[in-house]
């Protein structure tokens, strides 16, 4: 009896701990910070891009309910077996060792659960893979231990992004170990293609608010994308163990308006209208070339007509000369 009461106290304590965790979890969720980790937070970072919205739906609406149901079912099953089939409650054990129906059920049900999860998992993978037409391209190169960014569409050469020292970060009121001296700058609402590679060892380009995590591998270029939904500053880090200073290569992405982005590109010596200009030139080049060809052909026909008289004019002139 004493053992039973002790078990009930343990279960009550566990339930109280779970309730407190849920309460504080809801409190933390209500105060989640955008673009950076939330102290004592237990949920995923708030979404600031379509990919992260899809990832949060997959986690919260698909995985968590399934995991919760399975966990509660297994816990209840264990408690039932412990109470019903212990040595005191069941002194004479059964002689059978198989049950065909149960074995079929516990084989098929996990398979069906995995197939159901796979449907949403593949859909999310295809969303990551099927990038819309990009508005600009950024090349991100991982080094030991910092990042280099280049904007080939806007003729901005590579610049280096290092972590801000602690004193500067504290003075600026930005998170230490996450803020960088040269952030990646992108315009809001534009599809950004990120080409990710590395110069030495394997790194990982991770930005939680956008749902990004792509390995940076030497000698290989991986591709990912995002569309920032709102202006602001977003923080990430290298997420691959890459050496002694792995913890000191943050990723900072600053999302600004188009006008601010154009001004930033100009300050870097680039061409703000580089992508638009090149796209327009490619679109108009065939028409211009065809117009030039038609003009040249017309000019050639005119010159031939001026040099050689028409046949009906040349024939009487030749007859007169013969007479």
Foldseek 3Di string as FASTA:
>chain_A
DVVVVVVVVVVVVVVVVVVVLVVVQVVQVVVADAQDGGVVHDAFHAAQFPLLVLVNCLVPVQVVVVVVVVVVVVVVVVVCCCVCPDCVNPVDDDDDDDDVVVVVCVVVVVVVSVVVSVVSVVVSVVVFVDADDFPFEWEWEQEVHEIWIATVLFRQGIDTKWFDPPVVCVVVVHDHLWDTPDAAEDEAQGKYKYWAAYDDAKWWDDFRNFPGTGIHYHPDIDIGITHGHDFDKHKAATPDPDDDVRSTYIHIYGYHHLVVVLVVSVVSVTHSCRNVVVVVCVVCVVVVVVVVVVVVVVVVVVVVCVVDPDPVVVVVVVVVVVD
